[in-house]
Amino acid sequence: MYAIVDIAGKQFKVEEGKRIYVYRLQDEAGSSVTFDKVMLTEKDGKINVGNPYIKGAVVTAKVLDHLKGNKVIVFKKIRRKGFDKKNGHRQYLTQIEIESIA
């Protein structure tokens, strides 16, 4: 069984017991969080698609940790003008574990 869920503006394919990284959530580590923006569910080959969300479908997850992702390099250059700029950042992430899909 899996589901497609909208978490913080991005769509993720989630399964029970799976750990994923999402954009930083406000919940503290160790707490439980629910997501009600479920777009699609699949169980035993039967697919249920929402319009845009499925009413009554809920995905619960446990917040494991808050961390920073890998460094992303942003490099801008204009040819033949002598302009180049190098910049970078590390995205704030939250690791969650999917507990159940209902």
C-alpha atoms as a PDB file:
ATOM      1  CA  MET A   1       0.000   0.000   0.000  1.00  0.00           C
ATOM      2  CA  TYR A   2       1.268   3.441  -0.878  1.00  0.00           C
ATOM      3  CA  ALA A   3      -0.042   6.992  -1.167  1.00  0.00           C
ATOM      4  CA  ILE A   4       0.873  10.266  -2.858  1.00  0.00           C
ATOM      5  CA  VAL A   5       0.824  13.062  -0.253  1.00  0.00           C
ATOM      6  CA  ASP A   6       1.261  16.840  -0.489  1.00  0.00           C
ATOM      7  CA  ILE A   7       3.721  17.834   2.262  1.00  0.00           C
ATOM      8  CA  ALA A   8       4.788  21.497   2.441  1.00  0.00           C
ATOM      9  CA  GLY A   9       3.943  22.101  -1.227  1.00  0.00           C
ATOM     10  CA  LYS A  10       5.750  19.038  -2.630  1.00  0.00           C
ATOM     11  CA  GLN A  11       4.363  15.643  -3.550  1.00  0.00           C
ATOM     12  CA  PHE A  12       5.866  12.517  -1.997  1.00  0.00           C
ATOM     13  CA  LYS A  13       5.198   8.817  -2.554  1.00  0.00           C
ATOM     14  CA  VAL A  14       4.960   7.296   0.931  1.00  0.00           C
ATOM     15  CA  GLU A  15       4.688   3.750   2.254  1.00  0.00           C
ATOM     16  CA  GLU A  16       4.301   2.487   5.806  1.00  0.00           C
ATOM     17  CA  GLY A  17       7.659   2.252   7.563  1.00  0.00           C
ATOM     18  CA  LYS A  18       9.443   4.359   4.946  1.00  0.00           C
ATOM     19  CA  ARG A  19      11.686   7.270   6.022  1.00  0.00           C
ATOM     20  CA  ILE A  20      11.749  10.428   3.904  1.00  0.00           C
ATOM     21  CA  TYR A  21      13.237  13.916   4.068  1.00  0.00           C
ATOM     22  CA  VAL A  22      10.853  16.864   3.707  1.00  0.00           C
ATOM     23  CA  TYR A  23      11.206  20.624   4.066  1.00  0.00           C
ATOM     24  CA  ARG A  24      11.533  21.774   7.687  1.00  0.00           C
ATOM     25  CA  LEU A  25       8.395  21.162   9.749  1.00  0.00           C
ATOM     26  CA  GLN A  26       7.558  23.135  12.903  1.00  0.00           C
ATOM     27  CA  ASP A  27       6.878  19.997  14.977  1.00  0.00           C
ATOM     28  CA  GLU A  28       9.456  18.846  17.522  1.00  0.00           C
ATOM     29  CA  ALA A  29      11.488  15.644  17.179  1.00  0.00           C
ATOM     30  CA  GLY A  30       9.639  12.640  18.573  1.00  0.00           C
ATOM     31  CA  SER A  31       6.173  14.104  17.993  1.00  0.00           C
ATOM     32  CA  SER A  32       3.533  12.700  15.674  1.00  0.00           C
ATOM     33  CA  VAL A  33       2.176  14.650  12.708  1.00  0.00           C
ATOM     34  CA  THR A  34      -0.770  13.998  10.356  1.00  0.00           C
ATOM     35  CA  PHE A  35      -1.112  14.933   6.702  1.00  0.00           C
ATOM     36  CA  ASP A  36      -4.614  15.151   5.243  1.00  0.00           C
ATOM     37  CA  LYS A  37      -3.704  16.294   1.717  1.00  0.00           C
ATOM     38  CA  VAL A  38      -3.683  12.786   0.233  1.00  0.00           C
ATOM     39  CA  MET A  39      -3.938  12.834  -3.565  1.00  0.00           C
ATOM     40  CA  LEU A  40      -3.816   9.120  -4.385  1.00  0.00           C
ATOM     41  CA  THR A  41      -3.926   5.795  -2.559  1.00  0.00           C
ATOM     42  CA  GLU A  42      -3.212   2.271  -3.772  1.00  0.00           C
ATOM     43  CA  LYS A  43      -4.186  -0.888  -1.921  1.00  0.00           C
ATOM     44  CA  ASP A  44      -4.102  -4.419  -3.401  1.00  0.00           C
ATOM     45  CA  GLY A  45      -3.972  -3.065  -6.961  1.00  0.00           C
ATOM     46  CA  LYS A  46      -6.987  -0.768  -6.450  1.00  0.00           C
ATOM     47  CA  ILE A  47      -6.175   2.905  -7.054  1.00  0.00           C
ATOM     48  CA  ASN A  48      -8.227   5.735  -5.544  1.00  0.00           C
ATOM     49  CA  VAL A  49      -7.598   9.200  -7.001  1.00  0.00           C
ATOM     50  CA  GLY A  50      -8.800  12.414  -5.341  1.00  0.00           C
ATOM     51  CA  ASN A  51     -10.090  15.593  -6.908  1.00  0.00           C
ATOM     52  CA  PRO A  52      -7.641  17.101  -5.841  1.00  0.00           C
ATOM     53  CA  TYR A  53      -7.591  15.387  -2.411  1.00  0.00           C
ATOM     54  CA  ILE A  54      -9.259  12.268  -1.025  1.00  0.00           C
ATOM     55  CA  LYS A  55     -11.736  13.117   1.741  1.00  0.00           C
ATOM     56  CA  GLY A  56     -11.115  11.221   4.974  1.00  0.00           C
ATOM     57  CA  ALA A  57      -7.698   9.905   3.942  1.00  0.00           C
ATOM     58  CA  VAL A  58      -4.963  10.622   6.493  1.00  0.00           C
ATOM     59  CA  VAL A  59      -1.265   9.777   6.664  1.00  0.00           C
ATOM     60  CA  THR A  60       0.364   9.827  10.104  1.00  0.00           C
ATOM     61  CA  ALA A  61       4.103  10.144  10.571  1.00  0.00           C
ATOM     62  CA  LYS A  62       6.641  10.496  13.367  1.00  0.00           C
ATOM     63  CA  VAL A  63       9.212  13.319  13.292  1.00  0.00           C
ATOM     64  CA  LEU A  64      12.645  11.754  13.772  1.00  0.00           C
ATOM     65  CA  ASP A  65      15.164  14.577  13.371  1.00  0.00           C
ATOM     66  CA  HIS A  66      15.811  18.100  12.094  1.00  0.00           C
ATOM     67  CA  LEU A  67      18.948  18.535   9.992  1.00  0.00           C
ATOM     68  CA  LYS A  68      20.556  20.346   7.069  1.00  0.00           C
ATOM     69  CA  GLY A  69      20.904  18.860   3.589  1.00  0.00           C
ATOM     70  CA  ASN A  70      23.943  18.741   1.339  1.00  0.00           C
ATOM     71  CA  LYS A  71      25.463  21.981   0.091  1.00  0.00           C
ATOM     72  CA  VAL A  72      23.956  23.291  -3.153  1.00  0.00           C
ATOM     73  CA  ILE A  73      26.275  25.429  -5.280  1.00  0.00           C
ATOM     74  CA  VAL A  74      24.717  28.316  -7.241  1.00  0.00           C
ATOM     75  CA  PHE A  75      27.031  29.589  -9.988  1.00  0.00           C
ATOM     76  CA  LYS A  76      26.092  32.470 -12.301  1.00  0.00           C
ATOM     77  CA  LYS A  77      28.166  33.550 -15.285  1.00  0.00           C
ATOM     78  CA  ILE A  78      27.762  35.910 -18.224  1.00  0.00           C
ATOM     79  CA  ARG A  79      29.995  35.003 -21.152  1.00  0.00           C
ATOM     80  CA  ARG A  80      32.574  37.471 -22.420  1.00  0.00           C
ATOM     81  CA  LYS A  81      31.634  40.072 -19.777  1.00  0.00           C
ATOM     82  CA  GLY A  82      33.915  39.028 -16.935  1.00  0.00           C
ATOM     83  CA  PHE A  83      30.975  38.372 -14.601  1.00  0.00           C
ATOM     84  CA  ASP A  84      30.796  35.290 -12.455  1.00  0.00           C
ATOM     85  CA  LYS A  85      29.291  34.797  -9.025  1.00  0.00           C
ATOM     86  CA  LYS A  86      29.502  31.707  -6.826  1.00  0.00           C
ATOM     87  CA  ASN A  87      27.070  31.225  -3.982  1.00  0.00           C
ATOM     88  CA  GLY A  88      25.640  28.296  -2.057  1.00  0.00           C
ATOM     89  CA  HIS A  89      23.284  27.206   0.681  1.00  0.00           C
ATOM     90  CA  ARG A  90      22.201  24.195   2.730  1.00  0.00           C
ATOM     91  CA  GLN A  91      18.475  23.448   2.900  1.00  0.00           C
ATOM     92  CA  TYR A  92      16.837  22.834   6.299  1.00  0.00           C
ATOM     93  CA  LEU A  93      15.176  19.396   6.301  1.00  0.00           C
ATOM     94  CA  THR A  94      13.120  17.175   8.594  1.00  0.00           C
ATOM     95  CA  GLN A  95      13.347  13.391   8.570  1.00  0.00           C
ATOM     96  CA  ILE A  96      10.009  11.651   9.127  1.00  0.00           C
ATOM     97  CA  GLU A  97       8.938   8.004   9.300  1.00  0.00           C
ATOM     98  CA  ILE A  98       5.520   7.033   7.948  1.00  0.00           C
ATOM     99  CA  GLU A  99       3.516   5.160  10.577  1.00  0.00           C
ATOM    100  CA  SER A 100       0.167   4.538   8.904  1.00  0.00           C
ATOM    101  CA  ILE A 101      -1.983   5.303   5.876  1.00  0.00           C
ATOM    102  CA  ALA A 102      -5.728   5.396   6.536  1.00  0.00           C
END
